[in-house]
Amino acid sequence: MSSSHTTRKRPPLAVKPAVPAVERATRLLDMVALSDEPVTISGAARDLGLAKSTAHGLINTLVELGLLERSGPGVVMGGHVMFWANAFMARSDLVAEFVRLWDDGGQDLNSETASLTILDGLDVVYIASQHGTDPLGITFKTGMRLPAAYTATGKAILATLPDAAIRQLYAQGLPPSMTPHSVRSVDALIAELTDVRKRGYSIDDQQIREGMVCFGAPVYDFSGKRAVGGIALSTHISRLDDAQREDMGRKAVRHAQRLSRRLGFHQEGGN
């Protein structure tokens, strides 16, 4: 493996392993999974602090088990890993984990409406929602599509992309406005997204429906590199003052982070 290879950082093990051989195998699998190119014996030995003979034995064993596959001078992840991945994904489906938020620490999600969306082109698609006790005058139905540029979840997801990608995405301009409050230009949208990145959460201030304010945050996959969806909390503008706005925004971030953790993302310094 060349010295220029790129790897992503793995979360530290929560406890000190009791079986060193299993710990070494796990570290090796993590290294291969996070590497952008095949991992060689010498590269594994160097990066993991192992003797070459130990790295050689580990790699051969994991290849025999189907957990690694040979690729040129090194190894990549093997097909047997998908057996475990499919078992994990069966219980960590995005919608299922969203619903479970109310069973585990979501007691503060009562009056406001919570929704979960994914980005599809220029739209967000609503894939789950939990309607609160306070009426909004709108129902977020599964399968409903709304312009990403105007929604809290759309803004939250778009803010994870570079400005150049936003300009490319909206090369033909923004969709037709939905209210007089809808953002009017790509430059104005990018300015909003800059604020989202600084603040940590997005705000749809009556851009979808007059009188409705929504606060959004992105949901990340296990790598923390890709936003796979967004969570929004929605309420009526009459129920908000400045302090409540900040509280709603932070609450959206908190529950988006909880959902991201359920999908395998462990943010350093996160709650």
Protein backbone atom coordinates (compact mmCIF):
# COMPACT_ATOMS: atom_id res chain seq x y z
CA MET A 1 0.00 0.00 0.00
CA SER A 2 1.43 3.34 -1.01
CA SER A 3 2.03 6.12 1.46
CA SER A 4 -0.51 8.31 -0.40
CA HIS A 5 -3.52 6.11 0.35
CA THR A 6 -6.52 7.71 2.02
CA THR A 7 -8.29 6.22 5.02
CA ARG A 8 -11.13 7.46 7.17
CA LYS A 9 -10.92 7.39 10.93
CA ARG A 10 -12.59 4.58 12.85
CA PRO A 11 -14.24 5.25 16.22
CA PRO A 12 -12.13 3.92 19.11
CA LEU A 13 -13.11 0.63 20.71
CA ALA A 14 -15.37 1.22 23.70
CA VAL A 15 -13.55 -1.27 25.92
CA LYS A 16 -10.13 -2.91 26.02
CA PRO A 17 -10.48 -6.23 24.15
CA ALA A 18 -9.98 -9.37 26.22
CA VAL A 19 -8.82 -11.47 23.24
CA PRO A 20 -5.87 -9.81 21.43
CA ALA A 21 -6.21 -11.97 18.30
CA VAL A 22 -9.82 -10.88 17.79
CA GLU A 23 -8.85 -7.26 18.41
CA ARG A 24 -6.07 -7.46 15.80
CA ALA A 25 -8.42 -9.03 13.26
CA THR A 26 -11.03 -6.35 13.91
CA ARG A 27 -8.49 -3.56 13.49
CA LEU A 28 -7.29 -5.10 10.24
CA LEU A 29 -10.84 -5.41 8.88
CA ASP A 30 -11.52 -1.79 9.86
CA MET A 31 -8.36 -0.68 8.10
CA VAL A 32 -9.31 -2.51 4.89
CA ALA A 33 -12.90 -1.21 5.04
CA LEU A 34 -11.75 2.40 5.39
CA SER A 35 -8.94 2.26 2.83
CA ASP A 36 -9.42 3.64 -0.68
CA GLU A 37 -7.08 1.02 -2.17
CA PRO A 38 -6.06 -2.60 -1.49
CA VAL A 39 -4.15 -3.07 1.76
CA THR A 40 -0.83 -4.91 1.56
CA ILE A 41 0.84 -7.04 4.21
CA SER A 42 3.59 -4.47 4.71
CA GLY A 43 1.04 -1.65 4.91
CA ALA A 44 -1.05 -3.50 7.46
CA ALA A 45 2.00 -4.36 9.55
CA ARG A 46 3.20 -0.76 9.51
CA ASP A 47 -0.14 0.96 10.22
CA LEU A 48 -1.28 -1.52 12.86
CA GLY A 49 2.09 -1.95 14.55
CA LEU A 50 2.28 -5.69 13.84
CA ALA A 51 5.09 -7.99 12.80
CA LYS A 52 4.89 -8.85 9.11
CA SER A 53 4.48 -12.52 9.98
CA THR A 54 1.49 -11.68 12.18
CA ALA A 55 -0.09 -9.51 9.49
CA HIS A 56 0.55 -12.25 6.92
CA GLY A 57 -1.17 -14.85 9.09
CA LEU A 58 -4.15 -12.62 9.83
CA ILE A 59 -4.68 -11.75 6.18
CA ASN A 60 -4.43 -15.38 5.04
CA THR A 61 -6.93 -16.50 7.68
CA LEU A 62 -9.42 -13.75 6.85
CA VAL A 63 -9.10 -14.55 3.12
CA GLU A 64 -9.84 -18.22 3.83
CA LEU A 65 -12.93 -17.18 5.82
CA GLY A 66 -14.18 -14.98 2.98
CA LEU A 67 -13.88 -11.80 5.01
CA LEU A 68 -11.12 -10.49 2.75
CA GLU A 69 -10.41 -11.00 -0.95
CA ARG A 70 -7.13 -10.65 -2.79
CA SER A 71 -6.86 -7.73 -5.20
CA GLY A 72 -3.53 -7.23 -6.95
CA PRO A 73 -0.77 -6.86 -4.34
CA GLY A 74 -3.20 -6.43 -1.46
CA VAL A 75 -6.64 -7.30 -0.11
CA VAL A 76 -10.10 -5.72 -0.09
CA MET A 77 -13.27 -6.55 1.82
CA GLY A 78 -14.68 -10.00 1.07
CA GLY A 79 -18.20 -11.02 0.19
CA HIS A 80 -18.91 -12.74 3.51
CA VAL A 81 -19.01 -9.32 5.16
CA MET A 82 -22.31 -8.68 3.34
CA PHE A 83 -23.88 -11.48 5.35
CA TRP A 84 -23.22 -9.48 8.51
CA ALA A 85 -24.05 -6.17 6.84
CA ASN A 86 -27.45 -7.41 5.69
CA ALA A 87 -28.23 -8.69 9.18
CA PHE A 88 -27.31 -5.31 10.64
CA MET A 89 -29.25 -3.33 8.03
CA ALA A 90 -32.34 -5.43 8.70
CA ARG A 91 -32.51 -3.82 12.14
CA SER A 92 -31.13 -0.41 11.33
CA ASP A 93 -33.44 0.65 8.54
CA LEU A 94 -33.69 4.43 8.43
CA VAL A 95 -37.46 4.58 8.87
CA ALA A 96 -37.53 1.92 11.56
CA GLU A 97 -34.88 3.73 13.56
CA PHE A 98 -36.75 7.02 13.15
CA VAL A 99 -39.88 5.44 14.63
CA ARG A 100 -37.87 4.03 17.51
CA LEU A 101 -36.82 7.52 18.57
CA TRP A 102 -40.14 7.83 20.38
CA ASP A 103 -39.50 4.62 22.29
CA ASP A 104 -36.07 5.65 23.49
CA GLY A 105 -35.45 9.21 24.62
CA GLY A 106 -37.93 10.97 22.36
CA GLN A 107 -40.30 12.08 25.08
CA ASP A 108 -39.63 15.73 24.24
CA LEU A 109 -41.16 15.21 20.78
CA ASN A 110 -44.80 15.85 21.59
CA SER A 111 -46.29 19.13 20.43
CA GLU A 112 -44.23 19.61 17.26
CA THR A 113 -44.48 17.50 14.12
CA ALA A 114 -41.37 15.50 13.23
CA SER A 115 -40.61 14.37 9.70
CA LEU A 116 -37.91 12.34 7.94
CA THR A 117 -36.95 12.88 4.32
CA ILE A 118 -34.38 11.81 1.75
CA LEU A 119 -32.99 13.88 -1.11
CA ASP A 120 -34.07 12.88 -4.63
CA GLY A 121 -32.82 15.25 -7.28
CA LEU A 122 -34.12 18.73 -6.50
CA ASP A 123 -36.79 17.42 -4.13
CA VAL A 124 -37.00 15.86 -0.73
CA VAL A 125 -39.26 12.83 -0.39
CA TYR A 126 -41.05 12.29 2.91
CA ILE A 127 -40.53 8.73 4.10
CA ALA A 128 -41.86 8.99 7.67
CA SER A 129 -43.52 11.48 9.98
CA GLN A 130 -44.90 11.75 13.49
CA HIS A 131 -47.56 14.41 13.84
CA GLY A 132 -47.60 16.43 17.03
CA THR A 133 -50.44 17.64 19.19
CA ASP A 134 -50.31 21.19 17.82
CA PRO A 135 -52.16 21.54 14.49
CA LEU A 136 -50.16 22.74 11.49
CA GLY A 137 -52.76 22.77 8.75
CA ILE A 138 -50.62 20.42 6.68
CA THR A 139 -50.06 16.68 6.77
CA PHE A 140 -46.67 15.27 5.79
CA LYS A 141 -47.68 12.10 3.96
CA THR A 142 -45.27 9.32 3.06
CA GLY A 143 -44.19 9.77 -0.55
CA MET A 144 -44.92 13.50 -0.64
CA ARG A 145 -42.33 15.55 -2.53
CA LEU A 146 -41.37 19.16 -1.87
CA PRO A 147 -38.56 21.34 -3.26
CA ALA A 148 -35.40 20.76 -1.23
CA ALA A 149 -34.39 24.41 -1.52
CA TYR A 150 -37.38 25.51 0.57
CA THR A 151 -37.69 22.76 3.19
CA ALA A 152 -35.79 22.49 6.46
CA THR A 153 -34.67 18.93 5.75
CA GLY A 154 -33.65 19.85 2.21
CA LYS A 155 -31.59 22.80 3.39
CA ALA A 156 -29.97 20.62 6.07
CA ILE A 157 -28.95 17.99 3.53
CA LEU A 158 -27.87 20.53 0.91
CA ALA A 159 -25.68 22.28 3.49
CA THR A 160 -23.51 19.15 3.67
CA LEU A 161 -22.57 19.66 0.00
CA PRO A 162 -19.97 22.15 -1.31
CA ASP A 163 -21.21 25.38 -2.88
CA ALA A 164 -20.01 24.25 -6.31
CA ALA A 165 -22.27 21.20 -6.11
CA ILE A 166 -25.22 23.43 -5.18
CA ARG A 167 -24.60 25.66 -8.20
CA GLN A 168 -24.40 22.62 -10.44
CA LEU A 169 -27.58 21.16 -8.94
CA TYR A 170 -29.46 24.42 -9.52
CA ALA A 171 -27.82 25.36 -12.82
CA GLN A 172 -31.31 26.02 -14.24
CA GLY A 173 -32.35 28.09 -11.25
CA LEU A 174 -34.63 27.39 -8.30
CA PRO A 175 -38.08 25.80 -8.54
CA PRO A 176 -41.14 28.10 -8.48
CA SER A 177 -41.59 29.78 -5.11
CA MET A 178 -44.18 28.27 -2.77
CA THR A 179 -44.75 31.36 -0.60
CA PRO A 180 -43.60 34.99 -0.62
CA HIS A 181 -40.98 33.90 1.93
CA SER A 182 -39.33 31.27 -0.30
CA VAL A 183 -35.66 31.91 -1.08
CA ARG A 184 -35.46 33.64 -4.47
CA SER A 185 -32.05 32.90 -5.99
CA VAL A 186 -29.23 30.38 -5.96
CA ASP A 187 -26.94 32.98 -4.39
CA ALA A 188 -29.48 33.57 -1.61
CA LEU A 189 -29.81 29.81 -1.09
CA ILE A 190 -26.04 29.43 -0.79
CA ALA A 191 -26.00 32.26 1.75
CA GLU A 192 -28.66 30.40 3.74
CA LEU A 193 -26.66 27.17 3.57
CA THR A 194 -23.59 29.01 4.85
CA ASP A 195 -25.65 30.08 7.87
CA VAL A 196 -26.86 26.49 8.32
CA ARG A 197 -23.27 25.24 8.50
CA LYS A 198 -22.35 27.89 11.07
CA ARG A 199 -25.48 27.44 13.17
CA GLY A 200 -25.69 23.66 12.95
CA TYR A 201 -29.34 23.48 11.90
CA SER A 202 -31.56 24.76 9.10
CA ILE A 203 -34.69 26.89 9.23
CA ASP A 204 -37.63 26.91 6.85
CA ASP A 205 -39.25 30.16 7.96
CA GLN A 206 -42.62 29.97 6.16
CA GLN A 207 -40.94 29.01 2.87
CA ILE A 208 -43.22 26.00 2.34
CA ARG A 209 -46.39 27.20 4.05
CA GLU A 210 -47.20 30.58 5.55
CA GLY A 211 -47.39 30.39 9.33
CA MET A 212 -45.29 27.21 9.55
CA VAL A 213 -41.66 27.21 10.72
CA CYS A 214 -39.49 24.09 10.51
CA PHE A 215 -36.05 23.33 11.93
CA GLY A 216 -33.89 20.65 10.31
CA ALA A 217 -30.66 18.70 10.70
CA PRO A 218 -28.93 16.05 8.56
CA VAL A 219 -28.81 12.34 9.32
CA TYR A 220 -25.48 10.68 8.43
CA ASP A 221 -24.60 7.14 7.47
CA PHE A 222 -22.02 5.11 9.39
CA SER A 223 -19.09 6.89 7.74
CA GLY A 224 -20.23 10.37 8.74
CA LYS A 225 -19.30 11.46 5.22
CA ARG A 226 -22.73 11.29 3.58
CA ALA A 227 -26.08 12.68 4.68
CA VAL A 228 -28.64 9.94 3.98
CA GLY A 229 -31.61 11.99 5.11
CA GLY A 230 -32.84 14.83 7.24
CA ILE A 231 -35.04 15.32 10.27
CA ALA A 232 -37.28 18.36 10.71
CA LEU A 233 -39.40 19.61 13.59
CA SER A 234 -42.32 21.82 12.56
CA THR A 235 -44.58 24.17 14.49
CA HIS A 236 -46.69 27.29 14.02
CA ILE A 237 -44.91 30.63 14.05
CA SER A 238 -47.24 31.93 16.78
CA ARG A 239 -45.72 29.43 19.22
CA LEU A 240 -42.16 30.65 18.78
CA ASP A 241 -40.02 33.35 20.33
CA ASP A 242 -36.26 33.72 19.79
CA ALA A 243 -35.36 31.36 22.64
CA GLN A 244 -37.84 28.74 21.45
CA ARG A 245 -36.44 28.95 17.93
CA GLU A 246 -32.97 28.09 19.18
CA ASP A 247 -34.38 25.33 21.37
CA MET A 248 -36.21 23.78 18.42
CA GLY A 249 -33.10 23.95 16.27
CA ARG A 250 -30.94 22.28 18.88
CA LYS A 251 -33.61 19.66 19.46
CA ALA A 252 -33.63 18.82 15.74
CA VAL A 253 -29.83 18.45 15.82
CA ARG A 254 -29.99 16.27 18.92
CA HIS A 255 -32.46 13.81 17.43
CA ALA A 256 -30.71 13.76 14.04
CA GLN A 257 -27.50 12.85 15.86
CA ARG A 258 -29.33 10.12 17.77
CA LEU A 259 -30.62 8.67 14.51
CA SER A 260 -27.15 8.92 12.93
CA ARG A 261 -25.70 6.96 15.87
CA ARG A 262 -28.34 4.28 15.35
CA LEU A 263 -27.06 3.99 11.78
CA GLY A 264 -23.50 3.45 13.00
CA PHE A 265 -22.01 6.97 12.95
CA HIS A 266 -20.05 7.86 16.08
CA GLN A 267 -19.18 11.55 16.15
CA GLU A 268 -16.16 12.55 18.21
CA GLY A 269 -17.29 14.66 21.12
CA GLY A 270 -20.95 13.88 20.35
CA ASN A 271 -23.59 13.13 22.95
